[in-house]
PDB file of N, CA and C in Angstrom:
ATOM      1  N   MET A   1       3.490  13.731  -8.996  1.00  0.00           N
ATOM      2  CA  MET A   1       1.665  13.247  -8.914  1.00  0.00           C
ATOM      3  C   MET A   1       1.110  14.689  -8.365  1.00  0.00           C
ATOM      4  N   ALA A   2       0.319  14.262  -9.566  1.00  0.00           N
ATOM      5  CA  ALA A   2      -0.938  16.204  -9.774  1.00  0.00           C
ATOM      6  C   ALA A   2      -1.499  16.408  -8.895  1.00  0.00           C
ATOM      7  N   GLU A   3      -2.310  16.787  -8.275  1.00  0.00           N
ATOM      8  CA  GLU A   3      -2.607  16.560  -6.820  1.00  0.00           C
ATOM      9  C   GLU A   3      -4.014  16.309  -7.127  1.00  0.00           C
ATOM     10  N   GLN A   4      -4.955  15.881  -8.184  1.00  0.00           N
ATOM     11  CA  GLN A   4      -6.577  15.561  -8.218  1.00  0.00           C
ATOM     12  C   GLN A   4      -5.951  13.516  -8.433  1.00  0.00           C
ATOM     13  N   ASP A   5      -5.515  13.182  -7.997  1.00  0.00           N
ATOM     14  CA  ASP A   5      -4.827  11.568  -8.658  1.00  0.00           C
ATOM     15  C   ASP A   5      -5.351  10.694  -7.074  1.00  0.00           C
ATOM     16  N   GLU A   6      -5.559   9.994  -7.639  1.00  0.00           N
ATOM     17  CA  GLU A   6      -6.184   9.378  -6.474  1.00  0.00           C
ATOM     18  C   GLU A   6      -5.438   8.415  -6.319  1.00  0.00           C
ATOM     19  N   LEU A   7      -4.977   7.793  -4.750  1.00  0.00           N
ATOM     20  CA  LEU A   7      -4.368   7.156  -4.851  1.00  0.00           C
ATOM     21  C   LEU A   7      -5.666   5.538  -4.265  1.00  0.00           C
ATOM     22  N   SER A   8      -5.173   4.144  -4.513  1.00  0.00           N
ATOM     23  CA  SER A   8      -5.156   3.070  -4.201  1.00  0.00           C
ATOM     24  C   SER A   8      -4.685   2.355  -3.314  1.00  0.00           C
ATOM     25  N   THR A   9      -5.082   1.560  -2.210  1.00  0.00           N
ATOM     26  CA  THR A   9      -3.944   0.837  -1.281  1.00  0.00           C
ATOM     27  C   THR A   9      -3.861  -0.631  -2.130  1.00  0.00           C
ATOM     28  N   VAL A  10      -3.114  -0.881  -2.389  1.00  0.00           N
ATOM     29  CA  VAL A  10      -2.258  -2.599  -2.446  1.00  0.00           C
ATOM     30  C   VAL A  10      -2.120  -3.085  -1.574  1.00  0.00           C
ATOM     31  N   MET A  11      -1.154  -2.806  -0.788  1.00  0.00           N
ATOM     32  CA  MET A  11      -1.063  -3.441   0.446  1.00  0.00           C
ATOM     33  C   MET A  11      -1.781  -2.750   2.049  1.00  0.00           C
ATOM     34  N   THR A  12      -1.539  -4.204   2.675  1.00  0.00           N
ATOM     35  CA  THR A  12      -1.558  -3.960   4.324  1.00  0.00           C
ATOM     36  C   THR A  12      -0.929  -4.014   5.185  1.00  0.00           C
ATOM     37  N   PHE A  13      -0.038  -3.415   5.895  1.00  0.00           N
ATOM     38  CA  PHE A  13       1.124  -4.584   6.136  1.00  0.00           C
ATOM     39  C   PHE A  13       0.558  -4.075   8.176  1.00  0.00           C
ATOM     40  N   SER A  14       0.857  -4.643   8.728  1.00  0.00           N
ATOM     41  CA  SER A  14       1.226  -4.939  10.470  1.00  0.00           C
ATOM     42  C   SER A  14       2.184  -3.488  11.361  1.00  0.00           C
ATOM     43  N   ASN A  15       3.111  -3.654  10.362  1.00  0.00           N
ATOM     44  CA  ASN A  15       4.203  -2.783  10.540  1.00  0.00           C
ATOM     45  C   ASN A  15       5.099  -1.671   9.859  1.00  0.00           C
ATOM     46  N   ARG A  16       5.530  -0.979  10.425  1.00  0.00           N
ATOM     47  CA  ARG A  16       6.040  -0.309   9.509  1.00  0.00           C
ATOM     48  C   ARG A  16       7.504  -0.363   8.395  1.00  0.00           C
ATOM     49  N   PRO A  17       7.923  -1.411   8.780  1.00  0.00           N
ATOM     50  CA  PRO A  17       9.087  -1.677   8.165  1.00  0.00           C
ATOM     51  C   PRO A  17       8.846  -3.187   7.071  1.00  0.00           C
ATOM     52  N   GLU A  18       8.165  -3.711   7.683  1.00  0.00           N
ATOM     53  CA  GLU A  18       7.563  -3.836   6.181  1.00  0.00           C
ATOM     54  C   GLU A  18       6.958  -3.238   5.475  1.00  0.00           C
ATOM     55  N   ALA A  19       6.019  -2.685   6.008  1.00  0.00           N
ATOM     56  CA  ALA A  19       5.560  -1.627   4.536  1.00  0.00           C
ATOM     57  C   ALA A  19       6.944  -0.606   3.320  1.00  0.00           C
ATOM     58  N   ASP A  20       7.803  -0.181   4.412  1.00  0.00           N
ATOM     59  CA  ASP A  20       9.426   0.608   3.480  1.00  0.00           C
ATOM     60  C   ASP A  20       9.269  -0.054   3.271  1.00  0.00           C
ATOM     61  N   LEU A  21       9.858  -1.963   3.018  1.00  0.00           N
ATOM     62  CA  LEU A  21      10.590  -1.959   2.353  1.00  0.00           C
ATOM     63  C   LEU A  21       9.584  -2.729   0.972  1.00  0.00           C
ATOM     64  N   ALA A  22       8.270  -2.659   0.804  1.00  0.00           N
ATOM     65  CA  ALA A  22       7.167  -3.202  -0.005  1.00  0.00           C
ATOM     66  C   ALA A  22       7.951  -1.204  -0.728  1.00  0.00           C
ATOM     67  N   ARG A  23       7.531  -0.298  -0.330  1.00  0.00           N
ATOM     68  CA  ARG A  23       7.292   1.617  -0.662  1.00  0.00           C
ATOM     69  C   ARG A  23       8.775   0.721  -1.675  1.00  0.00           C
ATOM     70  N   GLU A  24      10.020   0.984  -0.970  1.00  0.00           N
ATOM     71  CA  GLU A  24      11.343   0.986  -1.590  1.00  0.00           C
ATOM     72  C   GLU A  24      11.307  -0.123  -3.158  1.00  0.00           C
ATOM     73  N   ARG A  25      10.631  -1.536  -2.537  1.00  0.00           N
ATOM     74  CA  ARG A  25      10.443  -2.499  -3.567  1.00  0.00           C
ATOM     75  C   ARG A  25       9.784  -1.713  -5.176  1.00  0.00           C
ATOM     76  N   LEU A  26       8.662  -1.561  -4.578  1.00  0.00           N
ATOM     77  CA  LEU A  26       8.140  -0.391  -5.531  1.00  0.00           C
ATOM     78  C   LEU A  26       8.606   0.839  -6.276  1.00  0.00           C
ATOM     79  N   GLU A  27       9.219   1.676  -5.701  1.00  0.00           N
ATOM     80  CA  GLU A  27      10.440   2.255  -6.059  1.00  0.00           C
ATOM     81  C   GLU A  27      11.269   2.272  -7.169  1.00  0.00           C
ATOM     82  N   GLY A  28      12.193   0.593  -6.097  1.00  0.00           N
ATOM     83  CA  GLY A  28      13.050   0.443  -7.720  1.00  0.00           C
ATOM     84  C   GLY A  28      12.734   0.288  -8.891  1.00  0.00           C
ATOM     85  N   GLU A  29      11.000  -0.021  -8.893  1.00  0.00           N
ATOM     86  CA  GLU A  29      10.085  -0.903 -10.023  1.00  0.00           C
ATOM     87  C   GLU A  29       9.794   1.148 -10.565  1.00  0.00           C
ATOM     88  N   GLY A  30       9.392   1.463 -10.456  1.00  0.00           N
ATOM     89  CA  GLY A  30       8.963   3.067 -10.994  1.00  0.00           C
ATOM     90  C   GLY A  30       8.042   3.770 -10.713  1.00  0.00           C
ATOM     91  N   VAL A  31       7.375   2.328  -9.903  1.00  0.00           N
ATOM     92  CA  VAL A  31       6.582   3.551  -8.943  1.00  0.00           C
ATOM     93  C   VAL A  31       6.169   4.160  -8.070  1.00  0.00           C
ATOM     94  N   GLU A  32       5.060   5.623  -7.868  1.00  0.00           N
ATOM     95  CA  GLU A  32       5.729   6.274  -7.073  1.00  0.00           C
ATOM     96  C   GLU A  32       3.871   4.928  -5.168  1.00  0.00           C
ATOM     97  N   ALA A  33       5.175   5.608  -4.822  1.00  0.00           N
ATOM     98  CA  ALA A  33       4.255   4.514  -2.793  1.00  0.00           C
ATOM     99  C   ALA A  33       4.076   5.625  -2.336  1.00  0.00           C
ATOM    100  N   PHE A  34       3.468   5.573  -0.886  1.00  0.00           N
ATOM    101  CA  PHE A  34       2.634   5.849  -0.049  1.00  0.00           C
ATOM    102  C   PHE A  34       3.165   5.141   0.888  1.00  0.00           C
ATOM    103  N   VAL A  35       3.304   5.273   2.510  1.00  0.00           N
ATOM    104  CA  VAL A  35       2.859   4.568   3.476  1.00  0.00           C
ATOM    105  C   VAL A  35       1.558   5.597   4.053  1.00  0.00           C
ATOM    106  N   MET A  36       0.919   5.051   4.509  1.00  0.00           N
ATOM    107  CA  MET A  36      -0.274   5.486   4.832  1.00  0.00           C
ATOM    108  C   MET A  36      -0.884   5.023   6.348  1.00  0.00           C
ATOM    109  N   ASP A  37      -1.187   6.288   6.778  1.00  0.00           N
ATOM    110  CA  ASP A  37      -1.687   5.422   8.884  1.00  0.00           C
ATOM    111  C   ASP A  37      -0.731   5.344   9.812  1.00  0.00           C
ATOM    112  N   ASP A  38       0.781   5.833   9.703  1.00  0.00           N
ATOM    113  CA  ASP A  38       1.568   5.057  10.234  1.00  0.00           C
ATOM    114  C   ASP A  38       1.729   6.154  11.248  1.00  0.00           C
ATOM    115  N   MET A  39       1.176   7.329  11.849  1.00  0.00           N
ATOM    116  CA  MET A  39       1.217   7.949  12.642  1.00  0.00           C
ATOM    117  C   MET A  39       0.043   7.388  13.455  1.00  0.00           C
ATOM    118  N   THR A  40      -1.429   6.621  13.365  1.00  0.00           N
ATOM    119  CA  THR A  40      -2.198   6.016  14.335  1.00  0.00           C
ATOM    120  C   THR A  40      -1.653   4.573  15.227  1.00  0.00           C
ATOM    121  N   SER A  41       0.269   4.187  13.898  1.00  0.00           N
ATOM    122  CA  SER A  41       0.700   3.066  15.279  1.00  0.00           C
ATOM    123  C   SER A  41       1.005   3.205  16.489  1.00  0.00           C
ATOM    124  N   GLY A  42       1.922   5.199  16.611  1.00  0.00           N
ATOM    125  CA  GLY A  42       2.469   5.204  17.143  1.00  0.00           C
ATOM    126  C   GLY A  42       1.391   6.475  18.389  1.00  0.00           C
ATOM    127  N   VAL A  43       0.150   6.625  17.877  1.00  0.00           N
ATOM    128  CA  VAL A  43      -0.729   7.274  18.786  1.00  0.00           C
ATOM    129  C   VAL A  43      -1.933   6.319  19.183  1.00  0.00           C
ATOM    130  N   MET A  44      -2.059   5.579  19.007  1.00  0.00           N
ATOM    131  CA  MET A  44      -3.046   4.735  19.471  1.00  0.00           C
ATOM    132  C   MET A  44      -2.523   2.795  18.684  1.00  0.00           C
ATOM    133  N   PRO A  45      -1.833   2.307  19.268  1.00  0.00           N
ATOM    134  CA  PRO A  45      -1.389   0.956  18.258  1.00  0.00           C
ATOM    135  C   PRO A  45      -2.399  -0.055  18.044  1.00  0.00           C
ATOM    136  N   TYR A  46      -3.456   0.295  18.973  1.00  0.00           N
ATOM    137  CA  TYR A  46      -4.727  -0.709  18.886  1.00  0.00           C
ATOM    138  C   TYR A  46      -5.241  -1.061  17.153  1.00  0.00           C
ATOM    139  N   VAL A  47      -5.720   0.765  17.521  1.00  0.00           N
ATOM    140  CA  VAL A  47      -5.836   0.444  16.291  1.00  0.00           C
ATOM    141  C   VAL A  47      -5.014  -0.360  14.548  1.00  0.00           C
ATOM    142  N   THR A  48      -4.187   0.621  15.306  1.00  0.00           N
ATOM    143  CA  THR A  48      -3.496  -0.280  13.530  1.00  0.00           C
ATOM    144  C   THR A  48      -3.492  -1.721  12.983  1.00  0.00           C
ATOM    145  N   GLY A  49      -3.791  -2.593  14.672  1.00  0.00           N
ATOM    146  CA  GLY A  49      -3.680  -3.871  14.803  1.00  0.00           C
ATOM    147  C   GLY A  49      -4.995  -3.981  13.925  1.00  0.00           C
ATOM    148  N   VAL A  50      -5.907  -3.835  13.882  1.00  0.00           N
ATOM    149  CA  VAL A  50      -7.072  -3.779  13.197  1.00  0.00           C
ATOM    150  C   VAL A  50      -7.554  -3.055  11.337  1.00  0.00           C
ATOM    151  N   ALA A  51      -6.107  -1.580  11.600  1.00  0.00           N
ATOM    152  CA  ALA A  51      -7.133  -0.768  10.427  1.00  0.00           C
ATOM    153  C   ALA A  51      -5.706  -1.787   9.675  1.00  0.00           C
ATOM    154  N   GLY A  52      -4.244  -1.576   9.838  1.00  0.00           N
ATOM    155  CA  GLY A  52      -3.035  -1.708   9.670  1.00  0.00           C
ATOM    156  C   GLY A  52      -2.209  -0.778   8.471  1.00  0.00           C
ATOM    157  N   ILE A  53      -1.517  -0.591   8.175  1.00  0.00           N
ATOM    158  CA  ILE A  53      -0.484   0.417   7.334  1.00  0.00           C
ATOM    159  C   ILE A  53      -1.043   0.365   5.974  1.00  0.00           C
ATOM    160  N   ARG A  54      -1.116   0.986   5.909  1.00  0.00           N
ATOM    161  CA  ARG A  54      -1.635   0.758   4.130  1.00  0.00           C
ATOM    162  C   ARG A  54      -0.387   1.820   3.098  1.00  0.00           C
ATOM    163  N   LEU A  55      -0.391   0.807   2.250  1.00  0.00           N
ATOM    164  CA  LEU A  55       0.700   1.348   1.371  1.00  0.00           C
ATOM    165  C   LEU A  55      -0.110   1.766  -0.245  1.00  0.00           C
ATOM    166  N   GLN A  56      -0.111   2.476  -0.184  1.00  0.00           N
ATOM    167  CA  GLN A  56      -0.952   3.350  -1.516  1.00  0.00           C
ATOM    168  C   GLN A  56      -0.019   4.199  -3.000  1.00  0.00           C
ATOM    169  N   VAL A  57      -0.639   3.230  -3.562  1.00  0.00           N
ATOM    170  CA  VAL A  57       0.290   3.755  -5.515  1.00  0.00           C
ATOM    171  C   VAL A  57      -1.258   5.312  -6.057  1.00  0.00           C
ATOM    172  N   PRO A  58      -0.587   4.860  -6.735  1.00  0.00           N
ATOM    173  CA  PRO A  58      -1.679   5.958  -7.940  1.00  0.00           C
ATOM    174  C   PRO A  58      -2.436   5.009  -8.085  1.00  0.00           C
ATOM    175  N   THR A  59      -3.537   5.334  -8.446  1.00  0.00           N
ATOM    176  CA  THR A  59      -4.450   4.539  -9.117  1.00  0.00           C
ATOM    177  C   THR A  59      -4.370   3.896 -10.771  1.00  0.00           C
ATOM    178  N   GLU A  60      -3.698   4.545 -11.522  1.00  0.00           N
ATOM    179  CA  GLU A  60      -2.699   4.345 -12.731  1.00  0.00           C
ATOM    180  C   GLU A  60      -1.756   3.214 -12.829  1.00  0.00           C
ATOM    181  N   GLN A  61      -1.052   3.364 -12.025  1.00  0.00           N
ATOM    182  CA  GLN A  61       0.305   2.147 -11.341  1.00  0.00           C
ATOM    183  C   GLN A  61      -0.362   1.180 -10.133  1.00  0.00           C
ATOM    184  N   LEU A  62      -1.587   0.964 -10.365  1.00  0.00           N
ATOM    185  CA  LEU A  62      -2.302  -0.075  -9.276  1.00  0.00           C
ATOM    186  C   LEU A  62      -1.885  -1.491  -9.436  1.00  0.00           C
ATOM    187  N   GLU A  63      -1.976  -1.743 -11.304  1.00  0.00           N
ATOM    188  CA  GLU A  63      -1.672  -3.287 -11.626  1.00  0.00           C
ATOM    189  C   GLU A  63      -0.310  -3.532 -11.663  1.00  0.00           C
ATOM    190  N   LYS A  64       0.514  -2.340 -12.818  1.00  0.00           N
ATOM    191  CA  LYS A  64       2.031  -2.848 -11.743  1.00  0.00           C
ATOM    192  C   LYS A  64       1.838  -2.846 -10.995  1.00  0.00           C
ATOM    193  N   ALA A  65       1.705  -2.320  -9.977  1.00  0.00           N
ATOM    194  CA  ALA A  65       2.684  -2.349  -8.070  1.00  0.00           C
ATOM    195  C   ALA A  65       2.105  -3.772  -7.437  1.00  0.00           C
ATOM    196  N   ARG A  66       0.662  -4.221  -7.791  1.00  0.00           N
ATOM    197  CA  ARG A  66       0.762  -5.314  -7.964  1.00  0.00           C
ATOM    198  C   ARG A  66       1.622  -6.862  -8.277  1.00  0.00           C
ATOM    199  N   GLU A  67       1.711  -6.679  -9.800  1.00  0.00           N
ATOM    200  CA  GLU A  67       2.901  -6.959 -10.336  1.00  0.00           C
ATOM    201  C   GLU A  67       3.854  -7.034  -9.754  1.00  0.00           C
ATOM    202  N   VAL A  68       4.528  -6.554  -9.685  1.00  0.00           N
ATOM    203  CA  VAL A  68       5.785  -6.171  -8.342  1.00  0.00           C
ATOM    204  C   VAL A  68       6.067  -6.897  -7.261  1.00  0.00           C
ATOM    205  N   LEU A  69       5.271  -6.585  -6.660  1.00  0.00           N
ATOM    206  CA  LEU A  69       4.429  -7.357  -5.528  1.00  0.00           C
ATOM    207  C   LEU A  69       4.056  -8.519  -5.263  1.00  0.00           C
ATOM    208  N   GLY A  70       3.765  -8.946  -6.047  1.00  0.00           N
ATOM    209  CA  GLY A  70       3.365 -10.282  -6.494  1.00  0.00           C
ATOM    210  C   GLY A  70       1.826 -10.727  -5.723  1.00  0.00           C
ATOM    211  N   VAL A  71       0.605 -10.013  -5.847  1.00  0.00           N
ATOM    212  CA  VAL A  71       0.043  -9.594  -4.724  1.00  0.00           C
ATOM    213  C   VAL A  71      -1.634 -10.238  -5.764  1.00  0.00           C
ATOM    214  N   GLN A  72      -2.041 -11.066  -5.364  1.00  0.00           N
ATOM    215  CA  GLN A  72      -3.274 -11.697  -6.439  1.00  0.00           C
ATOM    216  C   GLN A  72      -4.647 -11.129  -6.404  1.00  0.00           C
ATOM    217  N   THR A  73      -5.250 -11.098  -6.488  1.00  0.00           N
ATOM    218  CA  THR A  73      -6.610 -10.421  -7.015  1.00  0.00           C
ATOM    219  C   THR A  73      -7.538 -10.956  -7.022  1.00  0.00           C
ATOM    220  N   ALA A  74      -8.369 -11.634  -6.058  1.00  0.00           N
ATOM    221  CA  ALA A  74      -9.746 -11.981  -6.666  1.00  0.00           C
ATOM    222  C   ALA A  74     -10.988 -12.065  -7.655  1.00  0.00           C
ATOM    223  N   PRO A  75     -10.866 -13.107  -8.412  1.00  0.00           N
ATOM    224  CA  PRO A  75     -11.888 -13.097  -9.369  1.00  0.00           C
ATOM    225  C   PRO A  75     -12.586 -11.906  -9.592  1.00  0.00           C
ATOM    226  N   GLU A  76     -13.742 -11.819  -9.737  1.00  0.00           N
ATOM    227  CA  GLU A  76     -14.656 -11.033 -10.397  1.00  0.00           C
ATOM    228  C   GLU A  76     -16.316 -12.470  -9.785  1.00  0.00           C
ATOM    229  N   GLY A  77     -16.622 -11.500  -8.932  1.00  0.00           N
ATOM    230  CA  GLY A  77     -17.918 -12.303  -9.015  1.00  0.00           C
ATOM    231  C   GLY A  77     -17.718 -13.246  -7.952  1.00  0.00           C
ATOM    232  N   GLY A  78     -16.511 -13.093  -6.810  1.00  0.00           N
ATOM    233  CA  GLY A  78     -16.181 -13.512  -5.842  1.00  0.00           C
ATOM    234  C   GLY A  78     -16.173 -15.093  -6.407  1.00  0.00           C
ATOM    235  N   ALA A  79     -15.514 -16.534  -5.275  1.00  0.00           N
ATOM    236  CA  ALA A  79     -14.787 -17.436  -5.466  1.00  0.00           C
ATOM    237  C   ALA A  79     -15.498 -18.481  -5.134  1.00  0.00           C
TER     238      ALA A  79
END
């Protein structure tokens, strides 16, 4: 991944094992993925409960990541 590539959050998890499983699934499908904010959970666990552990992918791979994980997106214009 080039340094200037932007990351987008595809999902948020309440714990690291779930985030790692999703990351491994994405990587198995050729999508580069990163687990973010995990260090916060060790230092301030009450923050992770609110913010969550983010699973991020390069923005250009976001749609593929959503397909692999079965993430539904809200229709434009609201529900």
